[in-house]
Amino acid sequence: MPIPGTRSPRRIQENTGAADLTLTDTEIEAIDEILPRGCFGARSTKGHVPVWI
């Protein structure tokens, strides 16, 4: 997923190139295991606070 905001044209190309990226089911499962669900910080609800490895 492209990340908005950048400081250089090279980063804009890198970010827009991410739109053409296709993740495999295995990659999506790995991301799902690593990243927190919901929001982070004071807005996190119980059960949605991330556990970092």
C-alpha atoms as a PDB file:
ATOM      1  CA  MET A   1       0.000   0.000   0.000  1.00  0.00           C
ATOM      2  CA  PRO A   2       1.477   3.348  -0.914  1.00  0.00           C
ATOM      3  CA  ILE A   3       2.236   5.633   2.011  1.00  0.00           C
ATOM      4  CA  PRO A   4       1.102   9.238   1.469  1.00  0.00           C
ATOM      5  CA  GLY A   5       3.674  11.966   1.865  1.00  0.00           C
ATOM      6  CA  THR A   6       7.222  11.927   0.609  1.00  0.00           C
ATOM      7  CA  ARG A   7      10.327  14.070   0.251  1.00  0.00           C
ATOM      8  CA  SER A   8      11.690  12.932  -3.082  1.00  0.00           C
ATOM      9  CA  PRO A   9      10.506  11.935  -6.581  1.00  0.00           C
ATOM     10  CA  ARG A  10      12.176   8.540  -6.111  1.00  0.00           C
ATOM     11  CA  ARG A  11       9.952   7.833  -3.106  1.00  0.00           C
ATOM     12  CA  ILE A  12       6.841   8.847  -5.069  1.00  0.00           C
ATOM     13  CA  GLN A  13       7.752   6.288  -7.741  1.00  0.00           C
ATOM     14  CA  GLU A  14       8.387   3.683  -5.060  1.00  0.00           C
ATOM     15  CA  ASN A  15       5.059   4.390  -3.350  1.00  0.00           C
ATOM     16  CA  THR A  16       2.988   4.356  -6.539  1.00  0.00           C
ATOM     17  CA  GLY A  17       4.707   1.152  -7.644  1.00  0.00           C
ATOM     18  CA  ALA A  18       3.270  -0.554  -4.582  1.00  0.00           C
ATOM     19  CA  ALA A  19      -0.187  -0.326  -6.181  1.00  0.00           C
ATOM     20  CA  ASP A  20       0.925  -2.996  -8.690  1.00  0.00           C
ATOM     21  CA  LEU A  21       2.162  -5.369  -5.987  1.00  0.00           C
ATOM     22  CA  THR A  22       0.264  -8.615  -5.535  1.00  0.00           C
ATOM     23  CA  LEU A  23       0.727 -10.444  -2.239  1.00  0.00           C
ATOM     24  CA  THR A  24       0.429 -14.214  -1.931  1.00  0.00           C
ATOM     25  CA  ASP A  25      -1.888 -15.794   0.622  1.00  0.00           C
ATOM     26  CA  THR A  26       1.193 -16.791   2.648  1.00  0.00           C
ATOM     27  CA  GLU A  27       2.458 -13.192   2.693  1.00  0.00           C
ATOM     28  CA  ILE A  28      -0.950 -11.874   3.744  1.00  0.00           C
ATOM     29  CA  GLU A  29      -1.118 -14.447   6.561  1.00  0.00           C
ATOM     30  CA  ALA A  30       2.374 -13.429   7.756  1.00  0.00           C
ATOM     31  CA  ILE A  31       1.390  -9.747   7.759  1.00  0.00           C
ATOM     32  CA  ASP A  32      -1.821 -10.574   9.608  1.00  0.00           C
ATOM     33  CA  GLU A  33       0.200 -12.341  12.331  1.00  0.00           C
ATOM     34  CA  ILE A  34       2.681  -9.472  12.735  1.00  0.00           C
ATOM     35  CA  LEU A  35       0.600  -6.292  12.499  1.00  0.00           C
ATOM     36  CA  PRO A  36      -1.880  -5.137  15.109  1.00  0.00           C
ATOM     37  CA  ARG A  37      -5.561  -5.051  14.308  1.00  0.00           C
ATOM     38  CA  GLY A  38      -7.625  -1.968  14.846  1.00  0.00           C
ATOM     39  CA  CYS A  39      -5.973   1.180  16.068  1.00  0.00           C
ATOM     40  CA  PHE A  40      -2.916   1.649  18.219  1.00  0.00           C
ATOM     41  CA  GLY A  41      -2.268   3.652  21.353  1.00  0.00           C
ATOM     42  CA  ALA A  42      -4.912   5.202  23.569  1.00  0.00           C
ATOM     43  CA  ARG A  43      -7.602   4.296  21.031  1.00  0.00           C
ATOM     44  CA  SER A  44      -6.901   0.565  21.182  1.00  0.00           C
ATOM     45  CA  THR A  45      -9.682  -1.536  22.609  1.00  0.00           C
ATOM     46  CA  LYS A  46      -8.987  -4.505  24.837  1.00  0.00           C
ATOM     47  CA  GLY A  47      -7.954  -7.436  22.694  1.00  0.00           C
ATOM     48  CA  HIS A  48      -6.656  -5.213  19.907  1.00  0.00           C
ATOM     49  CA  VAL A  49      -3.427  -4.014  21.519  1.00  0.00           C
ATOM     50  CA  PRO A  50      -0.518  -5.202  19.358  1.00  0.00           C
ATOM     51  CA  VAL A  51       2.032  -7.723  20.534  1.00  0.00           C
ATOM     52  CA  TRP A  52       5.351  -7.006  18.871  1.00  0.00           C
ATOM     53  CA  ILE A  53       7.826  -9.809  18.276  1.00  0.00           C
END
